[in-house]
C-alpha atoms as a PDB file:
ATOM      1  CA  SER A   1      27.615 -22.630  53.079  1.00  0.00           C
ATOM      2  CA  LEU A   2      28.381 -19.885  50.553  1.00  0.00           C
ATOM      3  CA  ALA A   3      29.655 -17.670  53.356  1.00  0.00           C
ATOM      4  CA  LEU A   4      31.894 -20.486  54.575  1.00  0.00           C
ATOM      5  CA  GLN A   5      33.221 -21.067  51.052  1.00  0.00           C
ATOM      6  CA  ASP A   6      34.102 -17.378  50.855  1.00  0.00           C
ATOM      7  CA  ASP A   7      35.826 -17.609  54.235  1.00  0.00           C
ATOM      8  CA  ILE A   8      37.783 -20.687  53.126  1.00  0.00           C
ATOM      9  CA  TYR A   9      39.001 -18.903  50.012  1.00  0.00           C
ATOM     10  CA  LYS A  10      39.859 -15.703  51.893  1.00  0.00           C
ATOM     11  CA  SER A  11      41.754 -17.588  54.614  1.00  0.00           C
ATOM     12  CA  TRP A  12      43.681 -19.569  52.024  1.00  0.00           C
ATOM     13  CA  LYS A  13      44.452 -16.489  49.919  1.00  0.00           C
ATOM     14  CA  GLU A  14      45.786 -14.649  52.971  1.00  0.00           C
ATOM     15  CA  LYS A  15      47.686 -17.759  54.116  1.00  0.00           C
ATOM     16  CA  ASN A  16      45.691 -17.669  57.336  1.00  0.00           C
ATOM     17  CA  PHE A  17      45.932 -21.437  57.682  1.00  0.00           C
ATOM     18  CA  SER A  18      44.611 -21.454  61.244  1.00  0.00           C
ATOM     19  CA  ASN A  19      41.219 -20.258  59.989  1.00  0.00           C
ATOM     20  CA  PHE A  20      41.520 -22.383  56.871  1.00  0.00           C
ATOM     21  CA  PHE A  21      41.814 -25.591  58.899  1.00  0.00           C
ATOM     22  CA  ASN A  22      39.233 -24.534  61.470  1.00  0.00           C
ATOM     23  CA  ALA A  23      36.679 -24.464  58.645  1.00  0.00           C
ATOM     24  CA  ILE A  24      36.442 -28.265  58.640  1.00  0.00           C
ATOM     25  CA  ASN A  25      34.903 -28.114  62.129  1.00  0.00           C
ATOM     26  CA  ASN A  26      32.132 -25.764  61.005  1.00  0.00           C
ATOM     27  CA  SER A  27      28.635 -27.283  60.884  1.00  0.00           C
ATOM     28  CA  ALA A  28      28.122 -25.671  57.451  1.00  0.00           C
ATOM     29  CA  PHE A  29      31.122 -27.517  55.992  1.00  0.00           C
ATOM     30  CA  ASN A  30      29.282 -29.474  53.277  1.00  0.00           C
ATOM     31  CA  TYR A  31      30.334 -31.303  50.111  1.00  0.00           C
ATOM     32  CA  MET A  32      30.876 -28.057  48.175  1.00  0.00           C
ATOM     33  CA  CYS A  33      33.136 -26.724  50.911  1.00  0.00           C
ATOM     34  CA  ILE A  34      35.076 -30.004  50.865  1.00  0.00           C
ATOM     35  CA  GLU A  35      35.755 -29.650  47.132  1.00  0.00           C
ATOM     36  CA  GLN A  36      37.105 -26.121  47.528  1.00  0.00           C
ATOM     37  CA  TRP A  37      39.043 -26.954  50.697  1.00  0.00           C
ATOM     38  CA  LEU A  38      40.762 -29.974  49.127  1.00  0.00           C
ATOM     39  CA  HIS A  39      41.655 -28.035  45.994  1.00  0.00           C
ATOM     40  CA  LYS A  40      43.197 -25.164  47.953  1.00  0.00           C
ATOM     41  CA  LEU A  41      45.056 -27.561  50.254  1.00  0.00           C
ATOM     42  CA  SER A  42      46.578 -29.360  47.263  1.00  0.00           C
ATOM     43  CA  ILE A  43      47.782 -26.058  45.793  1.00  0.00           C
ATOM     44  CA  SER A  44      49.431 -25.061  49.082  1.00  0.00           C
ATOM     45  CA  LEU A  45      51.132 -28.455  49.277  1.00  0.00           C
ATOM     46  CA  SER A  46      52.345 -28.126  45.688  1.00  0.00           C
ATOM     47  CA  LYS A  47      53.804 -24.700  46.445  1.00  0.00           C
ATOM     48  CA  ASN A  48      55.398 -26.065  49.636  1.00  0.00           C
ATOM     49  CA  HIS A  49      53.507 -23.613  51.818  1.00  0.00           C
ATOM     50  CA  LEU A  50      52.415 -26.659  53.814  1.00  0.00           C
ATOM     51  CA  LYS A  51      53.976 -30.016  54.649  1.00  0.00           C
ATOM     52  CA  ILE A  52      51.905 -33.132  55.290  1.00  0.00           C
ATOM     53  CA  LYS A  53      52.759 -36.433  56.958  1.00  0.00           C
ATOM     54  CA  LEU A  54      50.924 -39.597  57.992  1.00  0.00           C
ATOM     55  CA  ILE A  55      51.316 -40.579  61.647  1.00  0.00           C
ATOM     56  CA  ASP A  56      49.638 -43.343  63.631  1.00  0.00           C
ATOM     57  CA  ASP A  57      46.423 -41.593  64.652  1.00  0.00           C
ATOM     58  CA  ASN A  58      46.433 -38.399  62.620  1.00  0.00           C
ATOM     59  CA  ILE A  59      47.440 -36.541  59.510  1.00  0.00           C
ATOM     60  CA  LEU A  60      50.074 -34.018  60.569  1.00  0.00           C
ATOM     61  CA  ILE A  61      50.267 -30.720  58.664  1.00  0.00           C
ATOM     62  CA  ARG A  62      52.983 -28.157  59.297  1.00  0.00           C
ATOM     63  CA  SER A  63      53.482 -24.619  58.083  1.00  0.00           C
ATOM     64  CA  SER A  64      55.786 -21.684  58.662  1.00  0.00           C
ATOM     65  CA  GLN A  65      53.065 -19.313  57.523  1.00  0.00           C
ATOM     66  CA  PHE A  66      50.363 -19.633  60.168  1.00  0.00           C
ATOM     67  CA  SER A  67      48.935 -16.290  61.245  1.00  0.00           C
ATOM     68  CA  ASN A  68      49.746 -17.129  64.847  1.00  0.00           C
ATOM     69  CA  LYS A  69      53.493 -16.794  65.414  1.00  0.00           C
ATOM     70  CA  SER A  70      53.646 -19.251  68.307  1.00  0.00           C
ATOM     71  CA  GLU A  71      55.475 -22.521  67.753  1.00  0.00           C
ATOM     72  CA  THR A  72      52.411 -24.658  68.512  1.00  0.00           C
ATOM     73  CA  ALA A  73      50.387 -22.908  65.807  1.00  0.00           C
ATOM     74  CA  LYS A  74      52.789 -24.157  63.146  1.00  0.00           C
ATOM     75  CA  GLU A  75      51.519 -27.710  63.531  1.00  0.00           C
ATOM     76  CA  LEU A  76      48.017 -29.083  63.104  1.00  0.00           C
ATOM     77  CA  LYS A  77      46.618 -32.596  63.367  1.00  0.00           C
ATOM     78  CA  ILE A  78      43.576 -33.944  61.544  1.00  0.00           C
ATOM     79  CA  GLY A  79      42.170 -37.103  63.084  1.00  0.00           C
ATOM     80  CA  HIS A  80      41.336 -40.161  61.028  1.00  0.00           C
ATOM     81  CA  ASP A  81      37.740 -39.876  62.226  1.00  0.00           C
ATOM     82  CA  VAL A  82      37.486 -36.431  60.603  1.00  0.00           C
ATOM     83  CA  ILE A  83      38.885 -37.815  57.346  1.00  0.00           C
ATOM     84  CA  ASN A  84      36.379 -40.671  57.369  1.00  0.00           C
ATOM     85  CA  LYS A  85      33.480 -38.328  58.137  1.00  0.00           C
ATOM     86  CA  HIS A  86      34.168 -36.095  55.148  1.00  0.00           C
ATOM     87  CA  LEU A  87      34.930 -39.053  52.901  1.00  0.00           C
ATOM     88  CA  LYS A  88      31.415 -40.312  53.636  1.00  0.00           C
ATOM     89  CA  ILE A  89      30.007 -36.869  52.801  1.00  0.00           C
ATOM     90  CA  LEU A  90      31.717 -37.040  49.404  1.00  0.00           C
ATOM     91  CA  ILE A  91      30.381 -40.559  48.807  1.00  0.00           C
ATOM     92  CA  ASP A  92      26.822 -39.472  49.621  1.00  0.00           C
ATOM     93  CA  ASN A  93      26.995 -36.487  47.264  1.00  0.00           C
ATOM     94  CA  VAL A  94      28.991 -37.790  44.298  1.00  0.00           C
ATOM     95  CA  ASP A  95      26.055 -37.434  41.916  1.00  0.00           C
ATOM     96  CA  LYS A  96      25.766 -33.710  42.724  1.00  0.00           C
ATOM     97  CA  PHE A  97      29.196 -32.808  41.344  1.00  0.00           C
ATOM     98  CA  CYS A  98      29.740 -31.428  37.852  1.00  0.00           C
ATOM     99  CA  SER A  99      32.677 -32.500  35.678  1.00  0.00           C
ATOM    100  CA  TYR A 100      34.897 -29.669  36.945  1.00  0.00           C
ATOM    101  CA  GLU A 101      34.232 -30.525  40.588  1.00  0.00           C
ATOM    102  CA  ILE A 102      34.833 -34.248  40.068  1.00  0.00           C
ATOM    103  CA  THR A 103      38.150 -33.711  38.300  1.00  0.00           C
ATOM    104  CA  SER A 104      39.125 -31.021  40.813  1.00  0.00           C
ATOM    105  CA  ILE A 105      38.554 -33.416  43.720  1.00  0.00           C
ATOM    106  CA  LEU A 106      40.416 -36.265  42.013  1.00  0.00           C
ATOM    107  CA  TRP A 107      43.326 -33.946  41.222  1.00  0.00           C
ATOM    108  CA  ALA A 108      43.456 -32.557  44.760  1.00  0.00           C
ATOM    109  CA  ILE A 109      43.315 -35.959  46.440  1.00  0.00           C
ATOM    110  CA  THR A 110      46.035 -37.262  44.118  1.00  0.00           C
ATOM    111  CA  ILE A 111      48.372 -34.398  45.029  1.00  0.00           C
ATOM    112  CA  ILE A 112      47.652 -34.855  48.741  1.00  0.00           C
ATOM    113  CA  LEU A 113      48.286 -38.607  48.595  1.00  0.00           C
ATOM    114  CA  LEU A 114      51.520 -38.182  46.628  1.00  0.00           C
ATOM    115  CA  LYS A 115      52.773 -35.761  49.262  1.00  0.00           C
ATOM    116  CA  VAL A 116      51.774 -38.169  52.053  1.00  0.00           C
ATOM    117  CA  ILE A 117      53.451 -41.080  50.240  1.00  0.00           C
ATOM    118  CA  LYS A 118      56.641 -39.086  49.834  1.00  0.00           C
ATOM    119  CA  THR A 119      56.946 -38.288  53.551  1.00  0.00           C
ATOM    120  CA  SER A 120      55.734 -41.748  54.610  1.00  0.00           C
ATOM    121  CA  ASN A 121      58.393 -43.463  52.510  1.00  0.00           C
ATOM    122  CA  ASN A 122      61.091 -41.267  53.983  1.00  0.00           C
ATOM    123  CA  SER A 123      59.992 -42.236  57.482  1.00  0.00           C
ATOM    124  CA  GLU A 124      59.435 -45.894  56.572  1.00  0.00           C
ATOM    125  CA  ASN A 125      55.829 -45.417  57.569  1.00  0.00           C
ATOM    126  CA  GLY A 126      53.970 -46.451  54.433  1.00  0.00           C
ATOM    127  CA  ILE A 127      50.463 -47.819  54.300  1.00  0.00           C
ATOM    128  CA  HIS A 128      51.597 -51.346  55.180  1.00  0.00           C
ATOM    129  CA  ASN A 129      53.009 -50.026  58.458  1.00  0.00           C
ATOM    130  CA  VAL A 130      49.736 -48.385  59.475  1.00  0.00           C
ATOM    131  CA  LYS A 131      48.090 -50.028  62.471  1.00  0.00           C
ATOM    132  CA  HIS A 132      45.152 -52.335  61.800  1.00  0.00           C
ATOM    133  CA  THR A 133      42.206 -50.514  63.375  1.00  0.00           C
ATOM    134  CA  ASP A 134      38.513 -50.561  62.541  1.00  0.00           C
ATOM    135  CA  LEU A 135      38.730 -46.878  61.627  1.00  0.00           C
ATOM    136  CA  ILE A 136      41.663 -47.356  59.238  1.00  0.00           C
ATOM    137  CA  ILE A 137      39.912 -50.278  57.546  1.00  0.00           C
ATOM    138  CA  SER A 138      36.759 -48.178  57.243  1.00  0.00           C
ATOM    139  CA  ILE A 139      38.692 -45.288  55.667  1.00  0.00           C
ATOM    140  CA  LEU A 140      40.364 -47.558  53.113  1.00  0.00           C
ATOM    141  CA  ASN A 141      37.103 -49.262  52.172  1.00  0.00           C
ATOM    142  CA  ASN A 142      35.348 -45.911  51.924  1.00  0.00           C
ATOM    143  CA  PHE A 143      38.140 -44.607  49.710  1.00  0.00           C
ATOM    144  CA  LYS A 144      37.682 -47.533  47.313  1.00  0.00           C
ATOM    145  CA  LEU A 145      33.927 -46.906  47.256  1.00  0.00           C
ATOM    146  CA  PHE A 146      34.442 -43.170  46.752  1.00  0.00           C
ATOM    147  CA  PHE A 147      36.860 -43.711  43.863  1.00  0.00           C
ATOM    148  CA  SER A 148      34.533 -46.200  42.191  1.00  0.00           C
ATOM    149  CA  LYS A 149      31.565 -43.823  42.430  1.00  0.00           C
ATOM    150  CA  MET A 150      33.580 -40.876  41.140  1.00  0.00           C
ATOM    151  CA  ILE A 151      34.714 -42.868  38.095  1.00  0.00           C
ATOM    152  CA  LYS A 152      31.174 -44.041  37.349  1.00  0.00           C
ATOM    153  CA  ASN A 153      29.774 -40.527  37.663  1.00  0.00           C
ATOM    154  CA  LEU A 154      32.560 -39.096  35.516  1.00  0.00           C
ATOM    155  CA  ASN A 155      31.762 -41.699  32.866  1.00  0.00           C
ATOM    156  CA  LYS A 156      28.120 -40.563  32.843  1.00  0.00           C
ATOM    157  CA  ILE A 157      29.062 -36.970  32.073  1.00  0.00           C
ATOM    158  CA  LYS A 158      32.137 -37.646  29.928  1.00  0.00           C
ATOM    159  CA  ASN A 159      30.670 -35.785  26.944  1.00  0.00           C
ATOM    160  CA  ASN A 160      30.674 -32.569  28.972  1.00  0.00           C
ATOM    161  CA  VAL A 161      34.301 -32.798  30.113  1.00  0.00           C
ATOM    162  CA  SER A 162      36.634 -30.078  28.827  1.00  0.00           C
ATOM    163  CA  ILE A 163      40.196 -30.682  27.614  1.00  0.00           C
ATOM    164  CA  ASP A 164      41.713 -29.371  30.851  1.00  0.00           C
ATOM    165  CA  GLU A 165      39.331 -31.493  32.909  1.00  0.00           C
ATOM    166  CA  SER A 166      40.226 -34.538  30.808  1.00  0.00           C
ATOM    167  CA  LEU A 167      43.907 -33.979  31.547  1.00  0.00           C
ATOM    168  CA  TRP A 168      43.136 -33.623  35.249  1.00  0.00           C
ATOM    169  CA  ALA A 169      41.142 -36.856  35.172  1.00  0.00           C
ATOM    170  CA  ILE A 170      43.677 -38.913  33.174  1.00  0.00           C
ATOM    171  CA  TRP A 171      46.615 -37.832  35.318  1.00  0.00           C
ATOM    172  CA  SER A 172      44.751 -38.352  38.598  1.00  0.00           C
ATOM    173  CA  ILE A 173      43.065 -41.657  37.781  1.00  0.00           C
ATOM    174  CA  THR A 174      46.351 -43.187  36.604  1.00  0.00           C
ATOM    175  CA  LYS A 175      47.991 -42.378  39.933  1.00  0.00           C
ATOM    176  CA  LEU A 176      44.984 -43.329  42.053  1.00  0.00           C
ATOM    177  CA  LEU A 177      44.773 -46.755  40.394  1.00  0.00           C
ATOM    178  CA  TYR A 178      48.212 -47.592  41.801  1.00  0.00           C
ATOM    179  CA  PHE A 179      47.071 -46.396  45.195  1.00  0.00           C
ATOM    180  CA  ASN A 180      43.951 -48.576  45.008  1.00  0.00           C
ATOM    181  CA  LEU A 181      46.084 -51.638  44.305  1.00  0.00           C
ATOM    182  CA  THR A 182      48.117 -50.837  47.412  1.00  0.00           C
ATOM    183  CA  ILE A 183      44.913 -50.527  49.440  1.00  0.00           C
ATOM    184  CA  GLU A 184      43.685 -53.866  48.101  1.00  0.00           C
ATOM    185  CA  ASN A 185      46.969 -55.529  49.089  1.00  0.00           C
ATOM    186  CA  TYR A 186      46.686 -54.035  52.565  1.00  0.00           C
ATOM    187  CA  LEU A 187      43.078 -55.184  52.998  1.00  0.00           C
ATOM    188  CA  ASN A 188      43.892 -58.674  51.705  1.00  0.00           C
ATOM    189  CA  PHE A 189      46.759 -58.926  54.183  1.00  0.00           C
ATOM    190  CA  TYR A 190      44.489 -57.674  56.968  1.00  0.00           C
ATOM    191  CA  THR A 191      41.810 -60.233  56.091  1.00  0.00           C
ATOM    192  CA  LYS A 192      44.267 -63.161  55.984  1.00  0.00           C
ATOM    193  CA  GLU A 193      45.980 -62.081  59.199  1.00  0.00           C
ATOM    194  CA  ASN A 194      42.717 -61.896  61.120  1.00  0.00           C
ATOM    195  CA  HIS A 195      41.442 -65.131  59.592  1.00  0.00           C
ATOM    196  CA  ASN A 196      44.604 -66.932  60.751  1.00  0.00           C
ATOM    197  CA  LYS A 197      44.210 -65.483  64.238  1.00  0.00           C
ATOM    198  CA  SER A 198      40.633 -66.727  64.438  1.00  0.00           C
ATOM    199  CA  ILE A 199      41.684 -70.245  63.408  1.00  0.00           C
ATOM    200  CA  ALA A 200      44.491 -70.316  65.969  1.00  0.00           C
ATOM    201  CA  SER A 201      42.288 -69.113  68.815  1.00  0.00           C
ATOM    202  CA  HIS A 202      39.119 -71.062  67.888  1.00  0.00           C
ATOM    203  CA  ASN A 203      37.252 -68.037  69.199  1.00  0.00           C
ATOM    204  CA  SER A 204      34.439 -66.799  66.982  1.00  0.00           C
ATOM    205  CA  ASN A 205      34.437 -63.449  68.758  1.00  0.00           C
ATOM    206  CA  VAL A 206      37.780 -62.505  67.238  1.00  0.00           C
ATOM    207  CA  SER A 207      37.070 -63.981  63.831  1.00  0.00           C
ATOM    208  CA  LEU A 208      36.937 -61.405  61.086  1.00  0.00           C
ATOM    209  CA  GLN A 209      34.269 -63.496  59.409  1.00  0.00           C
ATOM    210  CA  ASN A 210      31.898 -62.640  62.259  1.00  0.00           C
ATOM    211  CA  SER A 211      32.584 -58.907  62.350  1.00  0.00           C
ATOM    212  CA  ASP A 212      30.875 -56.013  60.619  1.00  0.00           C
ATOM    213  CA  ASP A 213      34.161 -55.053  58.978  1.00  0.00           C
ATOM    214  CA  ALA A 214      34.340 -58.456  57.273  1.00  0.00           C
ATOM    215  CA  GLY A 215      30.995 -57.917  55.618  1.00  0.00           C
ATOM    216  CA  GLN A 216      32.083 -54.485  54.526  1.00  0.00           C
ATOM    217  CA  ILE A 217      35.327 -55.806  53.053  1.00  0.00           C
ATOM    218  CA  ASN A 218      33.503 -58.620  51.258  1.00  0.00           C
ATOM    219  CA  ARG A 219      31.024 -56.137  49.825  1.00  0.00           C
ATOM    220  CA  MET A 220      33.842 -53.883  48.724  1.00  0.00           C
ATOM    221  CA  ASP A 221      35.483 -56.776  46.871  1.00  0.00           C
ATOM    222  CA  ASN A 222      32.436 -56.782  44.594  1.00  0.00           C
ATOM    223  CA  VAL A 223      32.206 -53.039  44.060  1.00  0.00           C
ATOM    224  CA  ASP A 224      33.689 -52.877  40.591  1.00  0.00           C
ATOM    225  CA  PRO A 225      35.842 -55.218  38.458  1.00  0.00           C
ATOM    226  CA  PHE A 226      37.663 -52.021  37.456  1.00  0.00           C
ATOM    227  CA  PHE A 227      39.790 -52.458  40.583  1.00  0.00           C
ATOM    228  CA  LYS A 228      40.671 -56.135  40.064  1.00  0.00           C
ATOM    229  CA  SER A 229      44.252 -56.924  39.050  1.00  0.00           C
ATOM    230  CA  GLU A 230      46.424 -60.021  38.794  1.00  0.00           C
ATOM    231  CA  ASN A 231      49.458 -58.012  39.811  1.00  0.00           C
ATOM    232  CA  LYS A 232      49.645 -57.896  43.611  1.00  0.00           C
ATOM    233  CA  GLN A 233      53.257 -56.697  43.869  1.00  0.00           C
ATOM    234  CA  ASN A 234      52.634 -52.943  43.611  1.00  0.00           C
ATOM    235  CA  GLU A 235      53.972 -51.320  46.765  1.00  0.00           C
ATOM    236  CA  ILE A 236      54.256 -47.615  47.518  1.00  0.00           C
ATOM    237  CA  THR A 237      57.910 -47.416  46.463  1.00  0.00           C
ATOM    238  CA  LYS A 238      57.115 -48.945  43.084  1.00  0.00           C
ATOM    239  CA  MET A 239      54.211 -46.565  42.703  1.00  0.00           C
ATOM    240  CA  LYS A 240      56.509 -43.587  43.212  1.00  0.00           C
ATOM    241  CA  GLY A 241      58.854 -44.901  40.531  1.00  0.00           C
ATOM    242  CA  ASN A 242      55.999 -45.273  38.078  1.00  0.00           C
ATOM    243  CA  VAL A 243      54.764 -41.767  38.838  1.00  0.00           C
ATOM    244  CA  GLU A 244      58.185 -40.246  38.206  1.00  0.00           C
ATOM    245  CA  ARG A 245      58.678 -42.243  35.002  1.00  0.00           C
ATOM    246  CA  ASP A 246      55.259 -41.236  33.692  1.00  0.00           C
ATOM    247  CA  ASP A 247      55.964 -37.577  34.388  1.00  0.00           C
ATOM    248  CA  LYS A 248      59.203 -37.700  32.388  1.00  0.00           C
ATOM    249  CA  SER A 249      57.755 -39.514  29.391  1.00  0.00           C
ATOM    250  CA  ASN A 250      54.573 -37.519  28.879  1.00  0.00           C
ATOM    251  CA  GLU A 251      55.191 -34.052  27.425  1.00  0.00           C
ATOM    252  CA  LYS A 252      51.562 -33.001  27.685  1.00  0.00           C
ATOM    253  CA  MET A 253      51.506 -33.874  31.362  1.00  0.00           C
ATOM    254  CA  GLN A 254      54.710 -31.883  31.869  1.00  0.00           C
ATOM    255  CA  ILE A 255      53.087 -28.810  30.351  1.00  0.00           C
ATOM    256  CA  PHE A 256      50.083 -29.350  32.587  1.00  0.00           C
ATOM    257  CA  MET A 257      52.267 -29.749  35.672  1.00  0.00           C
ATOM    258  CA  ASP A 258      54.124 -26.550  34.816  1.00  0.00           C
ATOM    259  CA  LYS A 259      50.799 -24.792  34.629  1.00  0.00           C
ATOM    260  CA  PHE A 260      50.063 -25.758  38.220  1.00  0.00           C
ATOM    261  CA  LYS A 261      53.645 -25.181  39.391  1.00  0.00           C
ATOM    262  CA  LEU A 262      54.392 -28.836  40.116  1.00  0.00           C
ATOM    263  CA  ASN A 263      57.735 -30.546  39.668  1.00  0.00           C
ATOM    264  CA  LYS A 264      58.830 -34.116  39.025  1.00  0.00           C
ATOM    265  CA  LYS A 265      59.423 -34.715  42.721  1.00  0.00           C
ATOM    266  CA  ASP A 266      55.752 -34.051  43.570  1.00  0.00           C
END
């Protein structure tokens, strides 16, 4: 694992993104590797060394700086199954992270999601246009569970959080809360849509209430009142507006963003 972490850092430092992305297929790619990998990916996205986009079955990442000069090497796809697999690894190991690692992961995921949202909006392919599949529903539910566990664990160790880590956490959590509301809207729509289909067909086999996913969604609804909100109108476009407004109004956040070479469009 330590050797793989060194390889991840070296590949990223040398902009050898082919090796950097191949690391996620390594059997030694554990929760510590995920933290470092996500953090380095978010930095490369912030510096525009990489571009990321959500497509139907994959996350598409493009770069002009792959070590391989061929055209095909400039594009890489990460399947939703891979995302779900590593999300579960994070969930299972949340209590092993220190304050720096927790805030680093939250920061990295926030940057990645903001970049995905930006490209998805431009292509009119936001979260509400994503196909309803068992895997997508699983990813969204796992993300809610992951976020809840990270917040709870961060609260346990809040007395050990540094000033920089606090800024990371505040900035990231604020943005991720909007994203969680969007996920909740999506899951509510999915639940109602499938419930209506089951009533129309009178077929219990297609009823969401008789599926494993339904139980998972119902359990997720009770994860944490922290996620409950009366406002169900927050869509991705509104979230982007709030993000941009927050960035302009908060001088401390602007200083922090300058430190990490981010701009108001990120």
